[in-house]
Protein backbone atom coordinates (compact mmCIF):
# COMPACT_ATOMS: atom_id res chain seq x y z
CA MET A 1 38.41 -44.91 40.78
CA ARG A 2 37.68 -45.36 37.09
CA PRO A 3 40.58 -45.43 34.63
CA GLN A 4 40.71 -42.42 32.35
CA GLN A 5 39.77 -42.88 28.72
CA ARG A 6 41.02 -40.77 25.86
CA THR A 7 38.27 -38.92 24.05
CA LEU A 8 38.08 -36.66 21.05
CA GLU A 9 36.01 -33.56 21.88
CA PRO A 10 35.54 -31.34 18.80
CA HIS A 11 33.67 -28.03 18.94
CA LEU A 12 31.89 -26.09 16.18
CA HIS A 13 30.57 -22.64 17.12
CA ALA A 14 29.11 -19.66 15.32
CA THR A 15 30.02 -16.40 17.08
CA TYR A 16 28.41 -13.00 17.38
CA ALA A 17 30.42 -9.99 18.53
CA LEU A 18 28.47 -7.97 21.09
CA LEU A 19 31.34 -5.49 21.39
CA SER A 20 34.31 -5.04 19.11
CA GLY A 21 36.88 -2.29 18.96
CA PRO A 22 40.56 -1.49 18.89
CA LEU A 23 40.95 -2.28 22.61
CA GLY A 24 39.11 -5.62 22.63
CA ARG A 25 36.02 -7.67 21.94
CA LEU A 26 33.21 -9.64 23.59
CA ARG A 27 31.62 -12.55 21.68
CA LEU A 28 28.78 -15.00 22.25
CA HIS A 29 29.12 -18.55 20.91
CA LEU A 30 26.38 -20.99 19.88
CA GLY A 31 27.01 -24.38 18.34
CA ALA A 32 27.74 -28.01 19.10
CA SER A 33 30.28 -30.14 20.94
CA GLY A 34 31.01 -33.79 20.35
CA ALA A 35 32.40 -36.58 22.48
CA PHE A 36 33.94 -39.57 20.73
CA ALA A 37 35.48 -42.47 22.67
CA PRO A 38 35.65 -46.24 22.07
CA GLU A 39 32.10 -46.77 23.46
CA LEU A 40 30.68 -43.26 22.97
CA THR A 41 29.62 -41.11 20.02
CA ARG A 42 27.47 -38.14 21.04
CA VAL A 43 26.93 -34.55 19.88
CA GLY A 44 25.11 -31.92 21.93
CA PRO A 45 24.32 -28.21 21.92
CA SER A 46 26.93 -25.83 23.26
CA ILE A 47 26.91 -22.20 24.39
CA GLY A 48 29.76 -19.93 25.40
CA ALA A 49 31.39 -16.55 25.53
CA SER A 50 34.85 -15.13 24.90
CA ALA A 51 36.57 -11.84 25.59
CA ALA A 52 39.86 -10.21 24.68
CA LEU A 53 41.24 -6.99 26.07
CA GLY A 54 44.30 -5.10 24.89
CA LEU A 55 46.56 -3.98 27.73
CA ILE A 56 49.76 -2.25 26.62
CA GLY A 57 50.93 -2.21 23.00
CA PRO A 58 50.68 -5.73 21.53
CA LEU A 59 50.05 -7.37 24.96
CA GLY A 60 46.53 -8.49 25.81
CA ILE A 61 44.52 -10.90 27.94
CA GLU A 62 41.97 -13.42 26.67
CA GLY A 63 39.38 -15.73 28.15
CA GLN A 64 36.80 -18.16 26.84
CA VAL A 65 34.20 -20.50 28.38
CA SER A 66 31.80 -22.99 26.81
CA TYR A 67 29.21 -25.34 28.27
CA THR A 68 27.49 -28.42 26.86
CA PRO A 69 24.51 -29.51 29.03
CA THR A 70 23.33 -32.67 27.24
CA PRO A 71 23.66 -35.61 26.36
CA PHE A 72 26.98 -35.37 28.23
CA ILE A 73 28.26 -32.51 30.38
CA GLU A 74 31.28 -30.53 29.33
CA PHE A 75 32.67 -27.28 30.69
CA ASP A 76 35.63 -25.87 28.80
CA ALA A 77 37.62 -22.77 29.81
CA PHE A 78 40.71 -20.91 28.64
CA ALA A 79 42.51 -17.93 30.17
CA GLY A 80 45.77 -16.44 29.00
CA LEU A 81 47.90 -13.74 27.45
CA SER A 82 48.36 -12.77 23.83
CA LEU A 83 50.91 -10.88 21.77
CA GLY A 84 49.49 -9.46 18.55
CA TRP A 85 51.07 -7.98 15.45
CA ASP A 86 48.61 -6.94 12.72
CA HIS A 87 46.92 -10.19 11.64
CA LEU A 88 49.23 -12.50 13.58
CA ALA A 89 48.95 -13.38 17.28
CA LEU A 90 50.79 -15.61 19.73
CA ARG A 91 48.59 -16.96 22.55
CA GLY A 92 49.49 -18.86 25.69
CA GLY A 93 47.67 -19.71 28.86
CA TYR A 94 45.78 -22.33 30.80
CA HIS A 95 43.13 -24.57 29.20
CA TRP A 96 40.82 -26.60 31.44
CA THR A 97 38.12 -29.12 30.47
CA TYR A 98 35.63 -30.92 32.72
CA ALA A 99 33.72 -33.76 31.06
CA ASP A 100 31.10 -36.12 32.53
CA ASP A 101 29.71 -38.89 30.30
CA ARG A 102 26.62 -39.23 32.58
CA GLY A 103 27.06 -43.00 32.59
CA LEU A 104 26.88 -43.31 28.79
CA VAL A 105 30.19 -45.21 28.54
CA ASP A 106 30.11 -47.64 31.47
CA GLY A 107 26.77 -47.03 33.22
CA ILE A 108 28.40 -45.37 36.25
């Protein structure tokens, strides 16, 4: 088993709202993701989607996924609840990231 290494994985996405209304939204994301570790500096294309749906009053659910296919593989997902008041929101949930360096760091 390989020891885990800490990496910095920034994302920069432009978004386009396919649907947007008072009850929720659906967006597409297109951009780039980076992976920076002691022996790795790579940036690759990234695609994704996000959705938010209002449930009752200020309570809503949210979800987001993004995928980077090359030069490393990254799948990033978030699912959770939100409480919104005008232009302010409180979000909480589960964030999961899968990353595979494809042997770029140690050849494995």
